[in-house]
Amino acid sequence: MTRATGVADVTDADFETEVLGAELPVLVEFTAGWCPPCRQMGPVLKALAAEEGDRLKVVQLDVDSNPATTNTYKVLSMPTFMVFRGGEPVKAMVGARAKRKLLEELADVI
């Protein structure tokens, strides 16, 4: 699996603590090692984490090794991005996108 540097991995075991219990809004990328568009998003997520780290936590969840969380949020397509705030999903987006576009879409939630 290609990991974005500076972007934490979360699992079924720590999702509640790392995402639902986070003080900042959290952008979760539901990703998979076999997904080329997911790999394209690595540099975008790394840059986003570096630039917006004081306002937004950015994490990745591997759907293949974390089926419980994936099923809880009914994630079917990769990559799926979900923003959680106060323990609740407040926005969902499917598919790779440019950083500028992603920032535009996140503007109302961070």
PDB file of N, CA and C in Angstrom:
ATOM      1  N   MET A   1       0.838  -1.189   0.000  1.00  0.00           N
ATOM      2  CA  MET A   1       0.000   0.000   0.000  1.00  0.00           C
ATOM      3  C   MET A   1       0.879   1.247   0.000  1.00  0.00           C
ATOM      4  N   THR A   2       0.564   2.177  -0.834  1.00  0.00           N
ATOM      5  CA  THR A   2       1.325   3.414  -0.881  1.00  0.00           C
ATOM      6  C   THR A   2       0.789   4.376   0.160  1.00  0.00           C
ATOM      7  N   ARG A   3       1.638   4.741   1.092  1.00  0.00           N
ATOM      8  CA  ARG A   3       1.234   5.635   2.167  1.00  0.00           C
ATOM      9  C   ARG A   3       1.703   7.050   1.867  1.00  0.00           C
ATOM     10  N   ALA A   4       0.865   7.994   2.169  1.00  0.00           N
ATOM     11  CA  ALA A   4       1.265   9.389   2.043  1.00  0.00           C
ATOM     12  C   ALA A   4       2.053   9.766   3.294  1.00  0.00           C
ATOM     13  N   THR A   5       3.255  10.284   3.125  1.00  0.00           N
ATOM     14  CA  THR A   5       4.077  10.699   4.255  1.00  0.00           C
ATOM     15  C   THR A   5       3.370  11.820   5.007  1.00  0.00           C
ATOM     16  N   GLY A   6       3.384  11.749   6.322  1.00  0.00           N
ATOM     17  CA  GLY A   6       2.747  12.796   7.112  1.00  0.00           C
ATOM     18  C   GLY A   6       1.255  12.584   7.287  1.00  0.00           C
ATOM     19  N   VAL A   7       0.740  11.504   6.700  1.00  0.00           N
ATOM     20  CA  VAL A   7      -0.672  11.177   6.820  1.00  0.00           C
ATOM     21  C   VAL A   7      -0.760   9.886   7.635  1.00  0.00           C
ATOM     22  N   ALA A   8      -1.439   9.952   8.763  1.00  0.00           N
ATOM     23  CA  ALA A   8      -1.516   8.797   9.655  1.00  0.00           C
ATOM     24  C   ALA A   8      -2.453   7.732   9.097  1.00  0.00           C
ATOM     25  N   ASP A   9      -2.144   6.487   9.432  1.00  0.00           N
ATOM     26  CA  ASP A   9      -3.059   5.392   9.126  1.00  0.00           C
ATOM     27  C   ASP A   9      -3.969   5.186  10.325  1.00  0.00           C
ATOM     28  N   VAL A  10      -5.234   4.943  10.056  1.00  0.00           N
ATOM     29  CA  VAL A  10      -6.151   4.556  11.126  1.00  0.00           C
ATOM     30  C   VAL A  10      -6.703   3.174  10.796  1.00  0.00           C
ATOM     31  N   THR A  11      -7.199   2.495  11.827  1.00  0.00           N
ATOM     32  CA  THR A  11      -7.701   1.135  11.677  1.00  0.00           C
ATOM     33  C   THR A  11      -9.068   1.031  12.349  1.00  0.00           C
ATOM     34  N   ASP A  12      -9.703  -0.111  12.151  1.00  0.00           N
ATOM     35  CA  ASP A  12     -10.961  -0.360  12.864  1.00  0.00           C
ATOM     36  C   ASP A  12     -10.753  -0.162  14.368  1.00  0.00           C
ATOM     37  N   ALA A  13      -9.587  -0.609  14.872  1.00  0.00           N
ATOM     38  CA  ALA A  13      -9.321  -0.587  16.314  1.00  0.00           C
ATOM     39  C   ALA A  13      -9.198   0.832  16.878  1.00  0.00           C
ATOM     40  N   ASP A  14      -8.597   1.766  16.104  1.00  0.00           N
ATOM     41  CA  ASP A  14      -8.386   3.106  16.674  1.00  0.00           C
ATOM     42  C   ASP A  14      -9.208   4.205  15.994  1.00  0.00           C
ATOM     43  N   PHE A  15     -10.139   3.822  15.108  1.00  0.00           N
ATOM     44  CA  PHE A  15     -10.933   4.814  14.384  1.00  0.00           C
ATOM     45  C   PHE A  15     -11.705   5.719  15.347  1.00  0.00           C
ATOM     46  N   GLU A  16     -12.309   5.116  16.363  1.00  0.00           N
ATOM     47  CA  GLU A  16     -13.109   5.908  17.303  1.00  0.00           C
ATOM     48  C   GLU A  16     -12.255   6.953  18.013  1.00  0.00           C
ATOM     49  N   THR A  17     -11.072   6.548  18.463  1.00  0.00           N
ATOM     50  CA  THR A  17     -10.183   7.464  19.167  1.00  0.00           C
ATOM     51  C   THR A  17      -9.603   8.518  18.233  1.00  0.00           C
ATOM     52  N   GLU A  18      -9.040   8.059  17.095  1.00  0.00           N
ATOM     53  CA  GLU A  18      -8.296   8.947  16.201  1.00  0.00           C
ATOM     54  C   GLU A  18      -9.193   9.869  15.362  1.00  0.00           C
ATOM     55  N   VAL A  19     -10.370   9.389  15.009  1.00  0.00           N
ATOM     56  CA  VAL A  19     -11.240  10.156  14.113  1.00  0.00           C
ATOM     57  C   VAL A  19     -12.444  10.723  14.860  1.00  0.00           C
ATOM     58  N   LEU A  20     -13.236   9.839  15.447  1.00  0.00           N
ATOM     59  CA  LEU A  20     -14.469  10.296  16.085  1.00  0.00           C
ATOM     60  C   LEU A  20     -14.191  11.149  17.317  1.00  0.00           C
ATOM     61  N   GLY A  21     -13.065  10.879  17.989  1.00  0.00           N
ATOM     62  CA  GLY A  21     -12.739  11.632  19.192  1.00  0.00           C
ATOM     63  C   GLY A  21     -11.804  12.809  18.967  1.00  0.00           C
ATOM     64  N   ALA A  22     -11.454  13.079  17.723  1.00  0.00           N
ATOM     65  CA  ALA A  22     -10.498  14.149  17.431  1.00  0.00           C
ATOM     66  C   ALA A  22     -11.104  15.530  17.680  1.00  0.00           C
ATOM     67  N   GLU A  23     -10.252  16.456  18.107  1.00  0.00           N
ATOM     68  CA  GLU A  23     -10.721  17.826  18.330  1.00  0.00           C
ATOM     69  C   GLU A  23     -10.879  18.579  17.017  1.00  0.00           C
ATOM     70  N   LEU A  24      -9.985  18.333  16.073  1.00  0.00           N
ATOM     71  CA  LEU A  24     -10.063  18.991  14.763  1.00  0.00           C
ATOM     72  C   LEU A  24     -11.003  18.203  13.851  1.00  0.00           C
ATOM     73  N   PRO A  25     -11.523  18.839  12.797  1.00  0.00           N
ATOM     74  CA  PRO A  25     -12.189  18.042  11.751  1.00  0.00           C
ATOM     75  C   PRO A  25     -11.160  17.065  11.170  1.00  0.00           C
ATOM     76  N   VAL A  26     -11.625  15.898  10.750  1.00  0.00           N
ATOM     77  CA  VAL A  26     -10.732  14.864  10.225  1.00  0.00           C
ATOM     78  C   VAL A  26     -11.165  14.488   8.814  1.00  0.00           C
ATOM     79  N   LEU A  27     -10.220  14.539   7.874  1.00  0.00           N
ATOM     80  CA  LEU A  27     -10.444  14.051   6.523  1.00  0.00           C
ATOM     81  C   LEU A  27      -9.914  12.621   6.473  1.00  0.00           C
ATOM     82  N   VAL A  28     -10.801  11.672   6.207  1.00  0.00           N
ATOM     83  CA  VAL A  28     -10.417  10.266   6.105  1.00  0.00           C
ATOM     84  C   VAL A  28     -10.452   9.868   4.635  1.00  0.00           C
ATOM     85  N   GLU A  29      -9.329   9.338   4.148  1.00  0.00           N
ATOM     86  CA  GLU A  29      -9.341   8.738   2.813  1.00  0.00           C
ATOM     87  C   GLU A  29      -9.506   7.237   3.005  1.00  0.00           C
ATOM     88  N   PHE A  30     -10.623   6.702   2.502  1.00  0.00           N
ATOM     89  CA  PHE A  30     -10.812   5.253   2.448  1.00  0.00           C
ATOM     90  C   PHE A  30     -10.092   4.808   1.185  1.00  0.00           C
ATOM     91  N   THR A  31      -9.054   3.992   1.346  1.00  0.00           N
ATOM     92  CA  THR A  31      -8.132   3.717   0.260  1.00  0.00           C
ATOM     93  C   THR A  31      -7.822   2.225   0.165  1.00  0.00           C
ATOM     94  N   ALA A  32      -7.162   1.834  -0.915  1.00  0.00           N
ATOM     95  CA  ALA A  32      -6.772   0.438  -1.100  1.00  0.00           C
ATOM     96  C   ALA A  32      -5.497   0.387  -1.933  1.00  0.00           C
ATOM     97  N   GLY A  33      -4.653  -0.600  -1.652  1.00  0.00           N
ATOM     98  CA  GLY A  33      -3.396  -0.740  -2.354  1.00  0.00           C
ATOM     99  C   GLY A  33      -3.551  -1.025  -3.838  1.00  0.00           C
ATOM    100  N   TRP A  34      -4.677  -1.623  -4.235  1.00  0.00           N
ATOM    101  CA  TRP A  34      -4.909  -1.991  -5.628  1.00  0.00           C
ATOM    102  C   TRP A  34      -5.570  -0.866  -6.431  1.00  0.00           C
ATOM    103  N   CYS A  35      -5.698   0.306  -5.830  1.00  0.00           N
ATOM    104  CA  CYS A  35      -6.467   1.405  -6.430  1.00  0.00           C
ATOM    105  C   CYS A  35      -5.528   2.501  -6.970  1.00  0.00           C
ATOM    106  N   PRO A  36      -5.311   2.564  -8.315  1.00  0.00           N
ATOM    107  CA  PRO A  36      -4.418   3.600  -8.868  1.00  0.00           C
ATOM    108  C   PRO A  36      -4.823   5.040  -8.513  1.00  0.00           C
ATOM    109  N   PRO A  37      -6.115   5.418  -8.563  1.00  0.00           N
ATOM    110  CA  PRO A  37      -6.461   6.794  -8.174  1.00  0.00           C
ATOM    111  C   PRO A  37      -6.123   7.094  -6.712  1.00  0.00           C
ATOM    112  N   CYS A  38      -6.164   6.061  -5.864  1.00  0.00           N
ATOM    113  CA  CYS A  38      -5.786   6.257  -4.457  1.00  0.00           C
ATOM    114  C   CYS A  38      -4.310   6.625  -4.354  1.00  0.00           C
ATOM    115  N   ARG A  39      -3.477   5.937  -5.150  1.00  0.00           N
ATOM    116  CA  ARG A  39      -2.043   6.236  -5.138  1.00  0.00           C
ATOM    117  C   ARG A  39      -1.780   7.645  -5.638  1.00  0.00           C
ATOM    118  N   GLN A  40      -2.564   8.093  -6.617  1.00  0.00           N
ATOM    119  CA  GLN A  40      -2.415   9.465  -7.125  1.00  0.00           C
ATOM    120  C   GLN A  40      -2.666  10.492  -6.023  1.00  0.00           C
ATOM    121  N   MET A  41      -3.510  10.149  -5.075  1.00  0.00           N
ATOM    122  CA  MET A  41      -3.888  11.105  -4.032  1.00  0.00           C
ATOM    123  C   MET A  41      -2.829  11.252  -2.948  1.00  0.00           C
ATOM    124  N   GLY A  42      -1.828  10.356  -2.905  1.00  0.00           N
ATOM    125  CA  GLY A  42      -0.795  10.429  -1.877  1.00  0.00           C
ATOM    126  C   GLY A  42      -0.143  11.794  -1.747  1.00  0.00           C
ATOM    127  N   PRO A  43       0.426  12.343  -2.839  1.00  0.00           N
ATOM    128  CA  PRO A  43       1.062  13.662  -2.740  1.00  0.00           C
ATOM    129  C   PRO A  43       0.076  14.772  -2.384  1.00  0.00           C
ATOM    130  N   VAL A  44      -1.159  14.644  -2.837  1.00  0.00           N
ATOM    131  CA  VAL A  44      -2.184  15.655  -2.532  1.00  0.00           C
ATOM    132  C   VAL A  44      -2.481  15.658  -1.031  1.00  0.00           C
ATOM    133  N   LEU A  45      -2.651  14.455  -0.468  1.00  0.00           N
ATOM    134  CA  LEU A  45      -2.954  14.361   0.964  1.00  0.00           C
ATOM    135  C   LEU A  45      -1.772  14.814   1.808  1.00  0.00           C
ATOM    136  N   LYS A  46      -0.555  14.476   1.360  1.00  0.00           N
ATOM    137  CA  LYS A  46       0.642  14.907   2.080  1.00  0.00           C
ATOM    138  C   LYS A  46       0.712  16.432   2.127  1.00  0.00           C
ATOM    139  N   ALA A  47       0.479  17.070   0.989  1.00  0.00           N
ATOM    140  CA  ALA A  47       0.516  18.530   0.922  1.00  0.00           C
ATOM    141  C   ALA A  47      -0.603  19.142   1.772  1.00  0.00           C
ATOM    142  N   LEU A  48      -1.772  18.542   1.705  1.00  0.00           N
ATOM    143  CA  LEU A  48      -2.912  19.031   2.480  1.00  0.00           C
ATOM    144  C   LEU A  48      -2.624  18.931   3.974  1.00  0.00           C
ATOM    145  N   ALA A  49      -2.054  17.805   4.400  1.00  0.00           N
ATOM    146  CA  ALA A  49      -1.721  17.619   5.814  1.00  0.00           C
ATOM    147  C   ALA A  49      -0.693  18.651   6.266  1.00  0.00           C
ATOM    148  N   ALA A  50       0.277  18.943   5.403  1.00  0.00           N
ATOM    149  CA  ALA A  50       1.325  19.906   5.746  1.00  0.00           C
ATOM    150  C   ALA A  50       0.767  21.327   5.828  1.00  0.00           C
ATOM    151  N   GLU A  51      -0.103  21.685   4.877  1.00  0.00           N
ATOM    152  CA  GLU A  51      -0.597  23.059   4.801  1.00  0.00           C
ATOM    153  C   GLU A  51      -1.741  23.347   5.763  1.00  0.00           C
ATOM    154  N   GLU A  52      -2.577  22.357   6.004  1.00  0.00           N
ATOM    155  CA  GLU A  52      -3.793  22.584   6.796  1.00  0.00           C
ATOM    156  C   GLU A  52      -3.774  21.862   8.136  1.00  0.00           C
ATOM    157  N   GLY A  53      -2.601  21.374   8.558  1.00  0.00           N
ATOM    158  CA  GLY A  53      -2.500  20.560   9.760  1.00  0.00           C
ATOM    159  C   GLY A  53      -3.020  21.209  11.026  1.00  0.00           C
ATOM    160  N   ASP A  54      -3.017  22.540  11.072  1.00  0.00           N
ATOM    161  CA  ASP A  54      -3.526  23.211  12.270  1.00  0.00           C
ATOM    162  C   ASP A  54      -5.054  23.301  12.265  1.00  0.00           C
ATOM    163  N   ARG A  55      -5.674  23.059  11.105  1.00  0.00           N
ATOM    164  CA  ARG A  55      -7.143  23.152  11.007  1.00  0.00           C
ATOM    165  C   ARG A  55      -7.808  21.828  10.675  1.00  0.00           C
ATOM    166  N   LEU A  56      -7.006  20.864  10.177  1.00  0.00           N
ATOM    167  CA  LEU A  56      -7.575  19.626   9.672  1.00  0.00           C
ATOM    168  C   LEU A  56      -6.609  18.475   9.895  1.00  0.00           C
ATOM    169  N   LYS A  57      -7.124  17.377  10.420  1.00  0.00           N
ATOM    170  CA  LYS A  57      -6.328  16.157  10.565  1.00  0.00           C
ATOM    171  C   LYS A  57      -6.607  15.304   9.329  1.00  0.00           C
ATOM    172  N   VAL A  58      -5.554  14.759   8.716  1.00  0.00           N
ATOM    173  CA  VAL A  58      -5.699  13.952   7.507  1.00  0.00           C
ATOM    174  C   VAL A  58      -5.214  12.540   7.808  1.00  0.00           C
ATOM    175  N   VAL A  59      -6.079  11.547   7.558  1.00  0.00           N
ATOM    176  CA  VAL A  59      -5.724  10.151   7.827  1.00  0.00           C
ATOM    177  C   VAL A  59      -6.172   9.268   6.665  1.00  0.00           C
ATOM    178  N   GLN A  60      -5.603   8.056   6.612  1.00  0.00           N
ATOM    179  CA  GLN A  60      -5.983   7.063   5.610  1.00  0.00           C
ATOM    180  C   GLN A  60      -6.446   5.800   6.309  1.00  0.00           C
ATOM    181  N   LEU A  61      -7.440   5.138   5.716  1.00  0.00           N
ATOM    182  CA  LEU A  61      -7.911   3.859   6.227  1.00  0.00           C
ATOM    183  C   LEU A  61      -7.921   2.872   5.070  1.00  0.00           C
ATOM    184  N   ASP A  62      -7.184   1.768   5.226  1.00  0.00           N
ATOM    185  CA  ASP A  62      -7.134   0.725   4.199  1.00  0.00           C
ATOM    186  C   ASP A  62      -8.413  -0.112   4.297  1.00  0.00           C
ATOM    187  N   VAL A  63      -9.222  -0.085   3.230  1.00  0.00           N
ATOM    188  CA  VAL A  63     -10.525  -0.756   3.280  1.00  0.00           C
ATOM    189  C   VAL A  63     -10.389  -2.277   3.373  1.00  0.00           C
ATOM    190  N   ASP A  64      -9.339  -2.826   2.790  1.00  0.00           N
ATOM    191  CA  ASP A  64      -9.180  -4.280   2.784  1.00  0.00           C
ATOM    192  C   ASP A  64      -8.870  -4.835   4.170  1.00  0.00           C
ATOM    193  N   SER A  65      -8.117  -4.088   4.970  1.00  0.00           N
ATOM    194  CA  SER A  65      -7.756  -4.602   6.291  1.00  0.00           C
ATOM    195  C   SER A  65      -8.639  -4.029   7.405  1.00  0.00           C
ATOM    196  N   ASN A  66      -9.597  -3.178   7.050  1.00  0.00           N
ATOM    197  CA  ASN A  66     -10.480  -2.578   8.052  1.00  0.00           C
ATOM    198  C   ASN A  66     -11.937  -2.611   7.596  1.00  0.00           C
ATOM    199  N   PRO A  67     -12.486  -3.821   7.436  1.00  0.00           N
ATOM    200  CA  PRO A  67     -13.841  -3.940   6.875  1.00  0.00           C
ATOM    201  C   PRO A  67     -14.950  -3.381   7.764  1.00  0.00           C
ATOM    202  N   ALA A  68     -14.762  -3.391   9.078  1.00  0.00           N
ATOM    203  CA  ALA A  68     -15.837  -2.935   9.964  1.00  0.00           C
ATOM    204  C   ALA A  68     -16.149  -1.447   9.738  1.00  0.00           C
ATOM    205  N   THR A  69     -15.110  -0.616   9.748  1.00  0.00           N
ATOM    206  CA  THR A  69     -15.308   0.818   9.545  1.00  0.00           C
ATOM    207  C   THR A  69     -15.813   1.085   8.130  1.00  0.00           C
ATOM    208  N   THR A  70     -15.225   0.391   7.154  1.00  0.00           N
ATOM    209  CA  THR A  70     -15.641   0.549   5.758  1.00  0.00           C
ATOM    210  C   THR A  70     -17.138   0.253   5.611  1.00  0.00           C
ATOM    211  N   ASN A  71     -17.597  -0.823   6.231  1.00  0.00           N
ATOM    212  CA  ASN A  71     -19.014  -1.190   6.144  1.00  0.00           C
ATOM    213  C   ASN A  71     -19.911  -0.252   6.935  1.00  0.00           C
ATOM    214  N   THR A  72     -19.431   0.211   8.084  1.00  0.00           N
ATOM    215  CA  THR A  72     -20.215   1.137   8.905  1.00  0.00           C
ATOM    216  C   THR A  72     -20.614   2.366   8.100  1.00  0.00           C
ATOM    217  N   TYR A  73     -19.680   2.889   7.302  1.00  0.00           N
ATOM    218  CA  TYR A  73     -19.934   4.112   6.540  1.00  0.00           C
ATOM    219  C   TYR A  73     -20.315   3.824   5.085  1.00  0.00           C
ATOM    220  N   LYS A  74     -20.596   2.537   4.787  1.00  0.00           N
ATOM    221  CA  LYS A  74     -21.097   2.119   3.476  1.00  0.00           C
ATOM    222  C   LYS A  74     -20.225   2.619   2.324  1.00  0.00           C
ATOM    223  N   VAL A  75     -18.910   2.484   2.510  1.00  0.00           N
ATOM    224  CA  VAL A  75     -17.953   2.898   1.480  1.00  0.00           C
ATOM    225  C   VAL A  75     -17.848   1.793   0.439  1.00  0.00           C
ATOM    226  N   LEU A  76     -18.141   2.138  -0.818  1.00  0.00           N
ATOM    227  CA  LEU A  76     -18.131   1.160  -1.904  1.00  0.00           C
ATOM    228  C   LEU A  76     -17.076   1.458  -2.958  1.00  0.00           C
ATOM    229  N   SER A  77     -16.715   2.717  -3.127  1.00  0.00           N
ATOM    230  CA  SER A  77     -15.771   3.118  -4.176  1.00  0.00           C
ATOM    231  C   SER A  77     -14.525   3.720  -3.544  1.00  0.00           C
ATOM    232  N   MET A  78     -13.375   3.487  -4.197  1.00  0.00           N
ATOM    233  CA  MET A  78     -12.124   4.055  -3.720  1.00  0.00           C
ATOM    234  C   MET A  78     -11.576   5.027  -4.768  1.00  0.00           C
ATOM    235  N   PRO A  79     -10.965   6.133  -4.372  1.00  0.00           N
ATOM    236  CA  PRO A  79     -10.949   6.583  -2.981  1.00  0.00           C
ATOM    237  C   PRO A  79     -12.262   7.279  -2.614  1.00  0.00           C
ATOM    238  N   THR A  80     -12.698   7.089  -1.392  1.00  0.00           N
ATOM    239  CA  THR A  80     -13.796   7.879  -0.829  1.00  0.00           C
ATOM    240  C   THR A  80     -13.189   8.733   0.266  1.00  0.00           C
ATOM    241  N   PHE A  81     -13.556  10.002   0.266  1.00  0.00           N
ATOM    242  CA  PHE A  81     -13.097  10.927   1.299  1.00  0.00           C
ATOM    243  C   PHE A  81     -14.292  11.278   2.163  1.00  0.00           C
ATOM    244  N   MET A  82     -14.114  11.207   3.478  1.00  0.00           N
ATOM    245  CA  MET A  82     -15.161  11.629   4.406  1.00  0.00           C
ATOM    246  C   MET A  82     -14.553  12.589   5.405  1.00  0.00           C
ATOM    247  N   VAL A  83     -15.309  13.637   5.695  1.00  0.00           N
ATOM    248  CA  VAL A  83     -14.895  14.577   6.724  1.00  0.00           C
ATOM    249  C   VAL A  83     -15.763  14.320   7.953  1.00  0.00           C
ATOM    250  N   PHE A  84     -15.095  14.129   9.086  1.00  0.00           N
ATOM    251  CA  PHE A  84     -15.779  13.925  10.355  1.00  0.00           C
ATOM    252  C   PHE A  84     -15.534  15.136  11.236  1.00  0.00           C
ATOM    253  N   ARG A  85     -16.595  15.624  11.856  1.00  0.00           N
ATOM    254  CA  ARG A  85     -16.465  16.739  12.800  1.00  0.00           C
ATOM    255  C   ARG A  85     -17.340  16.414  13.996  1.00  0.00           C
ATOM    256  N   GLY A  86     -16.769  16.485  15.199  1.00  0.00           N
ATOM    257  CA  GLY A  86     -17.533  16.169  16.392  1.00  0.00           C
ATOM    258  C   GLY A  86     -18.049  14.742  16.400  1.00  0.00           C
ATOM    259  N   GLY A  87     -17.288  13.824  15.782  1.00  0.00           N
ATOM    260  CA  GLY A  87     -17.667  12.425  15.779  1.00  0.00           C
ATOM    261  C   GLY A  87     -18.698  12.033  14.736  1.00  0.00           C
ATOM    262  N   GLU A  88     -19.095  12.982  13.887  1.00  0.00           N
ATOM    263  CA  GLU A  88     -20.105  12.694  12.867  1.00  0.00           C
ATOM    264  C   GLU A  88     -19.560  12.958  11.469  1.00  0.00           C
ATOM    265  N   PRO A  89     -19.940  12.124  10.479  1.00  0.00           N
ATOM    266  CA  PRO A  89     -19.546  12.436   9.101  1.00  0.00           C
ATOM    267  C   PRO A  89     -20.361  13.631   8.604  1.00  0.00           C
ATOM    268  N   VAL A  90     -19.672  14.663   8.122  1.00  0.00           N
ATOM    269  CA  VAL A  90     -20.363  15.873   7.663  1.00  0.00           C
ATOM    270  C   VAL A  90     -20.249  16.082   6.155  1.00  0.00           C
ATOM    271  N   LYS A  91     -19.382  15.311   5.510  1.00  0.00           N
ATOM    272  CA  LYS A  91     -19.217  15.459   4.065  1.00  0.00           C
ATOM    273  C   LYS A  91     -18.575  14.197   3.515  1.00  0.00           C
ATOM    274  N   ALA A  92     -18.994  13.809   2.304  1.00  0.00           N
ATOM    275  CA  ALA A  92     -18.384  12.656   1.633  1.00  0.00           C
ATOM    276  C   ALA A  92     -18.171  12.988   0.164  1.00  0.00           C
ATOM    277  N   MET A  93     -17.026  12.548  -0.368  1.00  0.00           N
ATOM    278  CA  MET A  93     -16.682  12.785  -1.770  1.00  0.00           C
ATOM    279  C   MET A  93     -16.044  11.509  -2.301  1.00  0.00           C
ATOM    280  N   VAL A  94     -16.326  11.179  -3.542  1.00  0.00           N
ATOM    281  CA  VAL A  94     -15.771   9.962  -4.139  1.00  0.00           C
ATOM    282  C   VAL A  94     -14.915  10.336  -5.339  1.00  0.00           C
ATOM    283  N   GLY A  95     -13.730   9.718  -5.424  1.00  0.00           N
ATOM    284  CA  GLY A  95     -12.863   9.902  -6.590  1.00  0.00           C
ATOM    285  C   GLY A  95     -11.698  10.828  -6.332  1.00  0.00           C
ATOM    286  N   ALA A  96     -10.631  10.595  -7.098  1.00  0.00           N
ATOM    287  CA  ALA A  96      -9.431  11.422  -6.990  1.00  0.00           C
ATOM    288  C   ALA A  96      -9.739  12.832  -7.488  1.00  0.00           C
ATOM    289  N   ARG A  97      -9.045  13.796  -6.938  1.00  0.00           N
ATOM    290  CA  ARG A  97      -9.200  15.187  -7.385  1.00  0.00           C
ATOM    291  C   ARG A  97      -7.927  15.959  -7.088  1.00  0.00           C
ATOM    292  N   ALA A  98      -7.778  17.091  -7.757  1.00  0.00           N
ATOM    293  CA  ALA A  98      -6.617  17.952  -7.540  1.00  0.00           C
ATOM    294  C   ALA A  98      -6.722  18.606  -6.167  1.00  0.00           C
ATOM    295  N   LYS A  99      -5.573  18.993  -5.613  1.00  0.00           N
ATOM    296  CA  LYS A  99      -5.551  19.602  -4.281  1.00  0.00           C
ATOM    297  C   LYS A  99      -6.426  20.854  -4.230  1.00  0.00           C
ATOM    298  N   ARG A 100      -6.343  21.678  -5.262  1.00  0.00           N
ATOM    299  CA  ARG A 100      -7.130  22.916  -5.297  1.00  0.00           C
ATOM    300  C   ARG A 100      -8.624  22.605  -5.195  1.00  0.00           C
ATOM    301  N   LYS A 101      -9.058  21.612  -5.962  1.00  0.00           N
ATOM    302  CA  LYS A 101     -10.463  21.206  -5.962  1.00  0.00           C
ATOM    303  C   LYS A 101     -10.857  20.634  -4.599  1.00  0.00           C
ATOM    304  N   LEU A 102      -9.974  19.824  -4.019  1.00  0.00           N
ATOM    305  CA  LEU A 102     -10.249  19.243  -2.711  1.00  0.00           C
ATOM    306  C   LEU A 102     -10.378  20.343  -1.655  1.00  0.00           C
ATOM    307  N   LEU A 103      -9.488  21.324  -1.699  1.00  0.00           N
ATOM    308  CA  LEU A 103      -9.555  22.437  -0.755  1.00  0.00           C
ATOM    309  C   LEU A 103     -10.858  23.218  -0.913  1.00  0.00           C
ATOM    310  N   GLU A 104     -11.291  23.434  -2.154  1.00  0.00           N
ATOM    311  CA  GLU A 104     -12.562  24.126  -2.402  1.00  0.00           C
ATOM    312  C   GLU A 104     -13.703  23.356  -1.750  1.00  0.00           C
ATOM    313  N   GLU A 105     -13.689  22.035  -1.918  1.00  0.00           N
ATOM    314  CA  GLU A 105     -14.767  21.214  -1.385  1.00  0.00           C
ATOM    315  C   GLU A 105     -14.734  21.133   0.141  1.00  0.00           C
ATOM    316  N   LEU A 106     -13.563  21.333   0.719  1.00  0.00           N
ATOM    317  CA  LEU A 106     -13.426  21.273   2.175  1.00  0.00           C
ATOM    318  C   LEU A 106     -13.675  22.613   2.847  1.00  0.00           C
ATOM    319  N   ALA A 107     -13.755  23.682   2.058  1.00  0.00           N
ATOM    320  CA  ALA A 107     -13.813  25.036   2.617  1.00  0.00           C
ATOM    321  C   ALA A 107     -14.950  25.228   3.622  1.00  0.00           C
ATOM    322  N   ASP A 108     -16.079  24.576   3.387  1.00  0.00           N
ATOM    323  CA  ASP A 108     -17.222  24.780   4.274  1.00  0.00           C
ATOM    324  C   ASP A 108     -17.176  23.926   5.537  1.00  0.00           C
ATOM    325  N   VAL A 109     -16.195  23.041   5.657  1.00  0.00           N
ATOM    326  CA  VAL A 109     -16.150  22.162   6.822  1.00  0.00           C
ATOM    327  C   VAL A 109     -14.888  22.321   7.664  1.00  0.00           C
ATOM    328  N   ILE A 110     -13.918  23.130   7.198  1.00  0.00           N
ATOM    329  CA  ILE A 110     -12.719  23.345   8.032  1.00  0.00           C
ATOM    330  C   ILE A 110     -12.589  24.821   8.384  1.00  0.00           C
TER     331      ILE A 110
END
